[in-house]
Structure formats: C-alpha cells, structure tokens
C-alpha cells in the first residue's frame, strides 16, 4: 500500500496547523490514497511520528512531501534527516521524499488569483496605478530568498503594473517596512500585498499589522492584503506532481547548482556541506549513500555551537557574537572540531543573543561578543560552562 506523508513547518497558531490537516484531507480526496500529516517543529505530530503512523497503517511505500513553499533549511536538511531515520526504523518500507512546492507555474497561478481577489475588494483602478509587494517568509538560505525574487519577476513582469517590489516577513532584508517604502516611490494609487505563505499564523498577523500602519500613513493609497495561498486548488496539483516525480525518482526540481550546502557561494563558504552539522554527521556516519553501498562515516565534530540570527537576537548583536566565535575557532585551527551554525528563533526573544552548545545541551542568553570570548575559552576549550550566562541545560544532554 502506498501512503503520502505531508510535512508542514509547524506554527504556534492552531489555525496554521489546521491548514495542513485540511490540506491532508484534500490531498487524500484528490489522490485516493491514505495521507498523513506531521510537522518539523512547533506542533504535533512530528514528521517522524506521521511516517510511523503510515507504516503502522500498512503502508509498504511512503512518499514524504514537504508542504513548504521553498527549498530552504528545513527541506534541505531537516527533512532528509527525518527520512533517513525513518528508513532505519522501517528497513523494509520504500521511503522517498519529494521536492517542496517551489517555483512552479501552478504556484504562480495561485498568486495571480490571490492578486485578482485582493484587487476585487478595492475600488476600480487601472493596472498602471497598482503596486504589488510580494512577501516571502525569509530565510538564512540565499537560494530560497533568490527564489522569492524570481517568483516576483515571473508574477509581475510585463503585467502593466505601476511597480512591484519583493520583501520578507523576517530573517533577512528588505523587511516589510523597507519594501513598502520602496514601493511607494512608484506613486501607486493602490497597493496589494501578497504574503507568499501557506496558511494564517504569526507571520500573517505581522503582515496585517504592517499593512494597517502603512495605510494609516499613506491615507490616499488604497491597501489590500491577499489571503495565503494554501487553500488554492492549484496547490493540490503541484503537490500531486511533486509526489509523482518522487515516486518516479525524478529529482530535476532540486536546484543544486545554487545551493549553499553544495556550492561555495561568496559569503556562505563556511556553510558548505550543510547546516545542522552535528545531526547530519551522526546520521551520515551510519547510513549508506544508497541501497547496496557501504556506509562511509566521517569523524563528527566535538562540539556544535548554534547562534540565533532571528531578528530580535540580531538587533541585540548576535551577528557580532557569531563572528567572534568563528574567528577564534578559525584562528586556532579548530573548524573541524567545533562547528558553528546560524539558526532561526530558539524561543528566547528578549533575552538574546542566544547561543546553544552541544552535545552538552547548554543554552546561554545575553551573549555579547566579549562574552563569546569567555564561552570559547572556558566552555569550548576548557570544558567548563559559563554559569553566569546559562539559561538552561536540556535534560538528557
């Protein structure tokens, strides 16, 4: 029996998670096969539990489909680890994973429909008086951010619009405010904001607040925010196509040439080989590359240091903290023994910069660049955690 497992990002808002369960039911009705749903973080069941549930239900072939819009860290790193671990738990089951929704004509059609629907709620206006702002989620992966720009060009170029801009809800720039300021220089009479997100949640709420503030500042401009794209019927078509390609073994949708984990892109050379180095190394050391090949383990790093680069921590100086740690590690020639990774929000907003050291599971808060020197010398080299900055120590670490 074949089953599909949809894997969503996960949200702190129930509405966002409910959207994935609704999508699960729609995909099941469309394809006529059992469909399960799980999440990478922030919600239950986990993606691994969803795979287990599919196998327990009798599936001997499981197609894991990431219900995420673009190929960033979760699709490139977390999902392969989840699938690799599931293969170890279920060695007799064929497990394949598809590409995410990605840059696809069906997704462009969904965005065009959302644009038309949003404009329908505004007074009539000629196309050449309309400005469009496409908002991506934002990622530390430049490849994913570049895809948002590509989608913006494919969506708006030669459409006779007054102008269009691209921005991001978090993590990277330009942020919403900066993108709106650029868009208003085109002097549109109407502005339509298109959040390229699947379902309502924290990020959609942020977009709506920013839109309301913009509308209050520019009272002569009509402003509308479109609905997320997750409920659009074309999303089902694209998911079905991605699943079918995975079953056939067609991975042509994966754009590896510009992936920072495979190509030494300027400014991202230190991330060559993948984020989440410690987790991947542990799996890599025991799993074969493909069926029938021997395992080819590599020496895992001695420590893995995670530094939060979400907006709040960046505002508090986390980039300087990260740079200080990396320079000390490089200077001492310890890059193979101590890995550093930029990560998204670790749930310590207001207390950052947040730094997490593994395998001890020690989480630090309020780590300035100078304090990073002390963590490096006392903890990473001296094996003594810096007690005055410790936020928590994860149980079982």
Protein backbone atom coordinates (compact mmCIF):
# COMPACT_ATOMS: atom_id res chain seq x y z
CA UNK A 1 0.00 0.00 0.00
CA UNK A 2 1.23 3.47 -0.86
CA UNK A 3 0.75 6.35 1.58
CA UNK A 4 1.67 10.03 1.48
CA UNK A 5 3.01 11.99 4.41
CA UNK A 6 2.65 15.76 4.19
CA UNK A 7 5.23 17.58 6.27
CA UNK A 8 4.49 21.14 7.32
CA UNK A 9 6.72 23.62 9.09
CA UNK A 10 4.54 23.91 12.20
CA UNK A 11 3.12 27.04 13.81
CA UNK A 12 2.46 28.41 17.27
CA UNK A 13 -1.03 29.24 15.99
CA UNK A 14 -3.60 26.46 15.75
CA UNK A 15 -5.03 27.98 12.55
CA UNK A 16 -1.75 27.45 10.73
CA UNK A 17 -1.52 23.82 11.79
CA UNK A 18 -5.19 23.22 10.99
CA UNK A 19 -4.44 24.29 7.43
CA UNK A 20 -2.03 21.37 6.99
CA UNK A 21 -4.64 18.92 8.28
CA UNK A 22 -7.17 20.39 5.86
CA UNK A 23 -4.63 20.03 3.06
CA UNK A 24 -4.09 16.40 4.12
CA UNK A 25 -7.80 15.68 3.70
CA UNK A 26 -7.95 17.44 0.32
CA UNK A 27 -4.92 15.56 -1.00
CA UNK A 28 -6.43 12.24 0.17
CA UNK A 29 -9.69 13.02 -1.61
CA UNK A 30 -7.82 14.05 -4.73
CA UNK A 31 -5.38 11.11 -4.98
CA UNK A 32 -7.43 8.35 -3.33
CA UNK A 33 -4.59 7.13 -1.10
CA UNK A 34 -4.07 7.37 2.67
CA UNK A 35 -2.47 10.70 3.60
CA UNK A 36 -0.88 11.54 6.94
CA UNK A 37 0.42 14.86 8.22
CA UNK A 38 3.23 15.85 10.56
CA UNK A 39 5.38 18.85 11.40
CA UNK A 40 9.07 19.71 11.53
CA UNK A 41 8.74 21.83 14.66
CA UNK A 42 6.38 23.74 16.96
CA UNK A 43 3.46 21.30 16.57
CA UNK A 44 2.47 17.66 16.81
CA UNK A 45 2.53 15.04 15.48
CA UNK A 46 6.12 15.22 14.37
CA UNK A 47 7.01 14.28 10.81
CA UNK A 48 8.69 11.12 12.09
CA UNK A 49 5.58 10.12 14.02
CA UNK A 50 3.46 10.67 10.91
CA UNK A 51 5.73 8.35 8.90
CA UNK A 52 5.47 5.74 11.64
CA UNK A 53 1.68 6.07 11.61
CA UNK A 54 1.62 5.44 7.85
CA UNK A 55 3.72 2.29 8.25
CA UNK A 56 1.59 1.10 11.17
CA UNK A 57 -1.45 1.51 8.93
CA UNK A 58 0.06 -0.98 6.48
CA UNK A 59 1.99 1.18 4.01
CA UNK A 60 4.95 -0.50 2.33
CA UNK A 61 5.72 2.63 0.28
CA UNK A 62 5.69 6.09 1.87
CA UNK A 63 6.06 9.28 -0.14
CA UNK A 64 7.14 12.20 2.05
CA UNK A 65 6.02 15.50 0.55
CA UNK A 66 7.20 18.75 2.17
CA UNK A 67 4.22 21.11 2.29
CA UNK A 68 6.57 24.07 2.32
CA UNK A 69 6.87 26.73 -0.33
CA UNK A 70 10.61 26.86 -0.99
CA UNK A 71 13.72 24.72 -0.56
CA UNK A 72 15.45 26.25 2.45
CA UNK A 73 17.00 24.72 5.56
CA UNK A 74 14.04 22.58 6.58
CA UNK A 75 13.63 20.98 3.15
CA UNK A 76 17.36 20.63 2.53
CA UNK A 77 18.48 19.44 5.96
CA UNK A 78 15.76 18.57 8.44
CA UNK A 79 13.63 16.53 6.07
CA UNK A 80 16.46 14.31 4.76
CA UNK A 81 17.46 13.55 8.35
CA UNK A 82 13.86 12.69 9.25
CA UNK A 83 13.56 10.38 6.24
CA UNK A 84 16.95 8.76 6.86
CA UNK A 85 16.00 7.95 10.45
CA UNK A 86 12.65 6.56 9.29
CA UNK A 87 14.46 4.27 6.85
CA UNK A 88 16.48 2.88 9.73
CA UNK A 89 13.29 2.23 11.71
CA UNK A 90 11.49 0.68 8.73
CA UNK A 91 14.10 -1.03 6.53
CA UNK A 92 11.51 -2.99 4.51
CA UNK A 93 9.49 0.08 3.55
CA UNK A 94 10.25 2.12 0.44
CA UNK A 95 10.59 5.72 1.61
CA UNK A 96 11.01 8.54 -0.90
CA UNK A 97 10.90 12.29 -0.46
CA UNK A 98 9.77 14.88 -2.97
CA UNK A 99 10.82 18.44 -3.70
CA UNK A 100 8.87 21.23 -2.00
CA UNK A 101 6.26 23.27 -3.87
CA UNK A 102 8.99 25.57 -5.16
CA UNK A 103 8.97 27.83 -8.21
CA UNK A 104 6.20 26.28 -10.26
CA UNK A 105 3.65 27.61 -12.79
CA UNK A 106 0.84 26.32 -10.58
CA UNK A 107 2.06 28.40 -7.65
CA UNK A 108 2.31 31.46 -9.90
CA UNK A 109 -1.28 30.88 -10.97
CA UNK A 110 -2.34 30.69 -7.32
CA UNK A 111 -0.62 34.02 -6.62
CA UNK A 112 -2.24 35.66 -9.65
CA UNK A 113 -5.64 34.56 -8.40
CA UNK A 114 -4.89 35.94 -4.96
CA UNK A 115 -3.88 39.23 -6.57
CA UNK A 116 -7.13 39.41 -8.53
CA UNK A 117 -9.19 38.56 -5.46
CA UNK A 118 -7.48 41.24 -3.37
CA UNK A 119 -7.99 43.87 -6.08
CA UNK A 120 -11.67 42.95 -6.30
CA UNK A 121 -12.09 44.30 -2.76
CA UNK A 122 -10.67 47.70 -3.71
CA UNK A 123 -12.20 50.49 -5.82
CA UNK A 124 -11.74 50.02 -9.61
CA UNK A 125 -8.27 51.06 -10.73
CA UNK A 126 -6.20 50.76 -13.89
CA UNK A 127 -3.34 48.26 -13.81
CA UNK A 128 -0.77 51.01 -14.31
CA UNK A 129 -1.80 52.58 -11.00
CA UNK A 130 -1.33 49.39 -8.95
CA UNK A 131 1.77 48.49 -6.98
CA UNK A 132 2.38 44.90 -5.81
CA UNK A 133 4.51 43.77 -2.89
CA UNK A 134 5.38 40.07 -2.77
CA UNK A 135 6.43 38.99 0.71
CA UNK A 136 8.42 35.82 1.32
CA UNK A 137 8.84 34.21 4.70
CA UNK A 138 12.56 34.97 4.75
CA UNK A 139 15.41 32.53 5.21
CA UNK A 140 19.10 32.36 6.05
CA UNK A 141 19.43 30.43 2.77
CA UNK A 142 20.19 32.87 -0.09
CA UNK A 143 18.97 30.33 -2.63
CA UNK A 144 15.47 30.34 -1.12
CA UNK A 145 15.44 34.14 -0.89
CA UNK A 146 16.51 34.37 -4.53
CA UNK A 147 13.54 32.18 -5.47
CA UNK A 148 11.20 34.77 -3.96
CA UNK A 149 12.70 37.41 -6.24
CA UNK A 150 12.34 35.04 -9.19
CA UNK A 151 8.69 34.47 -8.36
CA UNK A 152 8.18 38.24 -8.12
CA UNK A 153 9.61 38.75 -11.60
CA UNK A 154 7.62 35.90 -13.12
CA UNK A 155 4.46 37.14 -11.46
CA UNK A 156 4.67 40.85 -12.25
CA UNK A 157 6.93 41.42 -15.23
CA UNK A 158 5.12 42.76 -18.33
CA UNK A 159 1.82 42.94 -16.48
CA UNK A 160 1.49 46.70 -16.94
CA UNK A 161 1.70 47.40 -13.21
CA UNK A 162 2.85 50.67 -11.69
CA UNK A 163 5.62 48.78 -9.96
CA UNK A 164 6.41 45.77 -7.84
CA UNK A 165 8.80 45.03 -5.00
CA UNK A 166 9.88 41.98 -3.02
CA UNK A 167 10.33 41.87 0.74
CA UNK A 168 10.49 39.41 3.60
CA UNK A 169 8.50 38.94 6.77
CA UNK A 170 11.56 38.03 8.83
CA UNK A 171 15.17 36.84 8.99
CA UNK A 172 16.52 38.80 6.01
CA UNK A 173 16.14 42.11 4.22
CA UNK A 174 14.41 44.09 2.86
CA UNK A 175 11.82 43.80 5.62
CA UNK A 176 8.19 44.76 5.17
CA UNK A 177 8.64 48.42 6.07
CA UNK A 178 11.63 48.89 3.77
CA UNK A 179 9.90 47.15 0.87
CA UNK A 180 6.78 49.29 1.30
CA UNK A 181 8.89 52.45 1.34
CA UNK A 182 10.46 51.41 -1.93
CA UNK A 183 7.11 50.54 -3.46
CA UNK A 184 5.54 53.88 -2.56
CA UNK A 185 8.25 55.69 -4.55
CA UNK A 186 6.46 54.39 -7.66
CA UNK A 187 3.48 56.53 -6.54
CA UNK A 188 0.76 53.87 -6.90
CA UNK A 189 -2.87 54.62 -6.17
CA UNK A 190 -3.36 51.09 -4.89
CA UNK A 191 -1.01 48.66 -3.12
CA UNK A 192 -1.67 44.94 -2.96
CA UNK A 193 0.44 42.94 -0.53
CA UNK A 194 0.84 39.27 -1.40
CA UNK A 195 2.15 37.20 1.53
CA UNK A 196 3.67 34.10 -0.07
CA UNK A 197 2.68 31.91 2.85
CA UNK A 198 0.56 28.81 3.05
CA UNK A 199 -1.73 29.49 5.99
CA UNK A 200 -2.67 32.08 8.63
CA UNK A 201 -0.38 32.32 11.62
CA UNK A 202 2.05 34.59 13.39
CA UNK A 203 3.62 35.82 10.14
CA UNK A 204 0.29 36.69 8.50
CA UNK A 205 -0.66 38.61 11.63
CA UNK A 206 2.57 40.58 11.35
CA UNK A 207 1.88 41.37 7.70
CA UNK A 208 -1.61 42.65 8.51
CA UNK A 209 -0.30 44.92 11.27
CA UNK A 210 2.32 46.39 8.95
CA UNK A 211 -0.29 46.91 6.23
CA UNK A 212 -2.60 48.75 8.62
CA UNK A 213 0.22 51.04 9.73
CA UNK A 214 1.16 51.74 6.11
CA UNK A 215 -2.45 52.52 5.18
CA UNK A 216 -2.71 54.96 8.09
CA UNK A 217 0.47 56.73 7.00
CA UNK A 218 -0.49 56.90 3.30
CA UNK A 219 -4.22 57.56 3.54
CA UNK A 220 -4.59 58.35 -0.18
CA UNK A 221 -3.37 54.90 -1.17
CA UNK A 222 -5.83 52.00 -1.12
CA UNK A 223 -4.21 48.96 0.51
CA UNK A 224 -5.24 45.30 0.44
CA UNK A 225 -3.59 42.15 1.78
CA UNK A 226 -4.32 38.91 -0.04
CA UNK A 227 -5.11 35.58 1.55
CA UNK A 228 -2.30 32.99 1.88
CA UNK A 229 -2.11 30.51 -0.97
CA UNK A 230 -2.57 27.24 0.94
CA UNK A 231 -6.27 26.78 0.17
CA UNK A 232 -5.88 27.45 -3.57
CA UNK A 233 -6.73 24.36 -5.68
CA UNK A 234 -3.54 24.65 -7.73
CA UNK A 235 -1.53 23.81 -4.59
CA UNK A 236 -3.07 20.33 -4.76
CA UNK A 237 -1.95 19.97 -8.38
CA UNK A 238 1.63 20.91 -7.55
CA UNK A 239 1.79 18.60 -4.52
CA UNK A 240 0.47 15.73 -6.62
CA UNK A 241 3.06 16.45 -9.31
CA UNK A 242 5.88 16.58 -6.76
CA UNK A 243 4.77 13.28 -5.22
CA UNK A 244 4.55 11.60 -8.63
CA UNK A 245 8.05 12.82 -9.53
CA UNK A 246 9.45 11.40 -6.29
CA UNK A 247 7.84 8.02 -6.99
CA UNK A 248 9.45 8.01 -10.45
CA UNK A 249 12.82 9.00 -8.98
CA UNK A 250 12.83 12.33 -10.83
CA UNK A 251 14.69 14.94 -8.77
CA UNK A 252 15.02 17.55 -11.52
CA UNK A 253 13.09 20.10 -9.42
CA UNK A 254 16.03 20.32 -7.00
CA UNK A 255 18.19 23.32 -7.94
CA UNK A 256 21.55 22.13 -6.62
CA UNK A 257 23.77 24.47 -8.64
CA UNK A 258 22.99 27.46 -6.39
CA UNK A 259 22.57 25.60 -3.11
CA UNK A 260 24.87 27.00 -0.42
CA UNK A 261 25.31 23.50 1.01
CA UNK A 262 26.77 22.21 -2.27
CA UNK A 263 28.39 25.30 -3.83
CA UNK A 264 30.83 27.70 -2.07
CA UNK A 265 28.81 30.89 -2.59
CA UNK A 266 30.59 34.14 -1.64
CA UNK A 267 29.84 34.93 1.98
CA UNK A 268 28.49 31.45 2.71
CA UNK A 269 31.62 29.33 2.25
CA UNK A 270 31.55 28.32 5.91
CA UNK A 271 28.20 26.58 5.38
CA UNK A 272 29.42 24.31 2.60
CA UNK A 273 28.44 20.77 3.47
CA UNK A 274 25.22 21.64 5.24
CA UNK A 275 23.69 23.19 8.29
CA UNK A 276 22.87 21.17 11.38
CA UNK A 277 26.33 19.62 11.04
CA UNK A 278 26.22 17.54 14.18
CA UNK A 279 22.90 15.88 13.43
CA UNK A 280 23.83 15.20 9.83
CA UNK A 281 27.22 13.84 10.81
CA UNK A 282 25.64 11.38 13.23
CA UNK A 283 23.30 10.07 10.54
CA UNK A 284 25.94 10.21 7.82
CA UNK A 285 28.28 8.06 9.85
CA UNK A 286 25.92 5.09 9.94
CA UNK A 287 23.79 5.24 6.79
CA UNK A 288 24.86 4.18 3.28
CA UNK A 289 24.66 6.65 0.42
CA UNK A 290 22.21 4.44 -1.42
CA UNK A 291 20.88 0.92 -1.26
CA UNK A 292 23.66 -1.63 -1.67
CA UNK A 293 26.55 0.67 -0.82
CA UNK A 294 28.69 0.55 2.28
CA UNK A 295 28.45 3.18 4.96
CA UNK A 296 31.11 5.88 4.78
CA UNK A 297 31.32 7.55 8.15
CA UNK A 298 33.21 10.73 8.85
CA UNK A 299 34.58 11.93 12.16
CA UNK A 300 31.84 14.06 13.73
CA UNK A 301 32.71 17.42 15.30
CA UNK A 302 33.48 17.53 19.01
CA UNK A 303 31.07 20.40 19.62
CA UNK A 304 28.33 22.18 17.72
CA UNK A 305 27.51 25.79 18.56
CA UNK A 306 24.19 27.26 17.44
CA UNK A 307 23.77 31.04 17.34
CA UNK A 308 20.33 32.56 16.87
CA UNK A 309 20.16 35.03 13.96
CA UNK A 310 16.46 35.76 14.10
CA UNK A 311 15.57 39.46 14.12
CA UNK A 312 15.47 40.07 17.86
CA UNK A 313 18.82 38.42 18.50
CA UNK A 314 20.37 40.20 15.50
CA UNK A 315 19.16 43.52 16.89
CA UNK A 316 20.91 42.62 20.15
CA UNK A 317 24.22 41.83 18.44
CA UNK A 318 24.16 38.12 17.62
CA UNK A 319 26.00 38.57 14.31
CA UNK A 320 28.96 40.09 16.18
CA UNK A 321 28.78 37.22 18.67
CA UNK A 322 28.81 34.66 15.85
CA UNK A 323 31.67 36.42 14.07
CA UNK A 324 33.76 36.49 17.24
CA UNK A 325 33.28 32.75 17.84
CA UNK A 326 34.08 31.86 14.24
CA UNK A 327 37.22 33.99 14.18
CA UNK A 328 38.50 32.40 17.38
CA UNK A 329 37.77 28.90 16.05
CA UNK A 330 39.45 29.61 12.70
CA UNK A 331 42.47 31.24 14.33
CA UNK A 332 43.04 28.16 16.50
CA UNK A 333 42.52 25.77 13.59
CA UNK A 334 39.53 24.05 15.22
CA UNK A 335 36.92 24.30 12.46
CA UNK A 336 36.75 20.51 12.14
CA UNK A 337 36.31 20.02 15.88
CA UNK A 338 33.92 22.91 16.63
CA UNK A 339 31.13 23.65 14.16
CA UNK A 340 29.02 26.80 14.23
CA UNK A 341 25.58 27.18 12.69
CA UNK A 342 23.22 30.13 12.33
CA UNK A 343 19.72 29.12 13.40
CA UNK A 344 16.31 30.72 13.48
CA UNK A 345 14.37 31.66 16.60
CA UNK A 346 15.05 29.41 19.60
CA UNK A 347 12.25 30.92 21.67
CA UNK A 348 14.36 33.32 23.73
CA UNK A 349 13.26 36.64 22.24
CA UNK A 350 14.08 39.49 24.57
CA UNK A 351 16.91 37.54 26.21
CA UNK A 352 19.35 37.22 23.33
CA UNK A 353 21.73 36.87 21.76
CA UNK A 354 21.07 33.17 22.34
CA UNK A 355 23.90 30.63 21.98
CA UNK A 356 23.45 26.86 22.36
CA UNK A 357 26.35 24.44 22.79
CA UNK A 358 26.04 20.74 22.03
CA UNK A 359 26.39 17.89 22.86
CA UNK A 360 26.12 19.26 26.42
CA UNK A 361 22.83 21.00 25.60
CA UNK A 362 23.85 24.22 27.37
CA UNK A 363 21.82 27.27 26.31
CA UNK A 364 23.24 30.73 27.01
CA UNK A 365 21.38 34.05 26.91
CA UNK A 366 22.57 37.63 26.53
CA UNK A 367 25.87 36.63 24.90
CA UNK A 368 27.78 39.69 23.69
CA UNK A 369 30.88 39.41 21.50
CA UNK A 370 33.12 39.82 24.56
CA UNK A 371 31.19 37.16 26.42
CA UNK A 372 31.59 34.89 23.38
CA UNK A 373 35.33 35.03 24.05
CA UNK A 374 34.72 33.71 27.58
CA UNK A 375 32.41 30.94 26.34
CA UNK A 376 35.06 29.95 23.80
CA UNK A 377 37.89 29.88 26.32
CA UNK A 378 36.09 28.47 29.33
CA UNK A 379 33.49 26.14 27.78
CA UNK A 380 34.60 25.18 24.28
CA UNK A 381 38.27 24.86 25.23
CA UNK A 382 38.19 24.43 29.00
CA UNK A 383 35.06 22.22 29.26
CA UNK A 384 33.57 24.44 31.98
CA UNK A 385 30.20 26.07 31.08
CA UNK A 386 29.95 29.76 31.93
CA UNK A 387 27.39 29.57 34.74
CA UNK A 388 26.58 33.28 34.89
CA UNK A 389 25.10 33.20 31.36
CA UNK A 390 23.43 29.80 31.37
CA UNK A 391 19.72 29.95 30.52
CA UNK A 392 19.02 26.22 30.71
CA UNK A 393 20.62 22.81 30.28
CA UNK A 394 18.50 20.41 28.26
CA UNK A 395 17.64 17.24 30.09
CA UNK A 396 19.26 14.12 28.73
CA UNK A 397 22.05 16.11 27.06
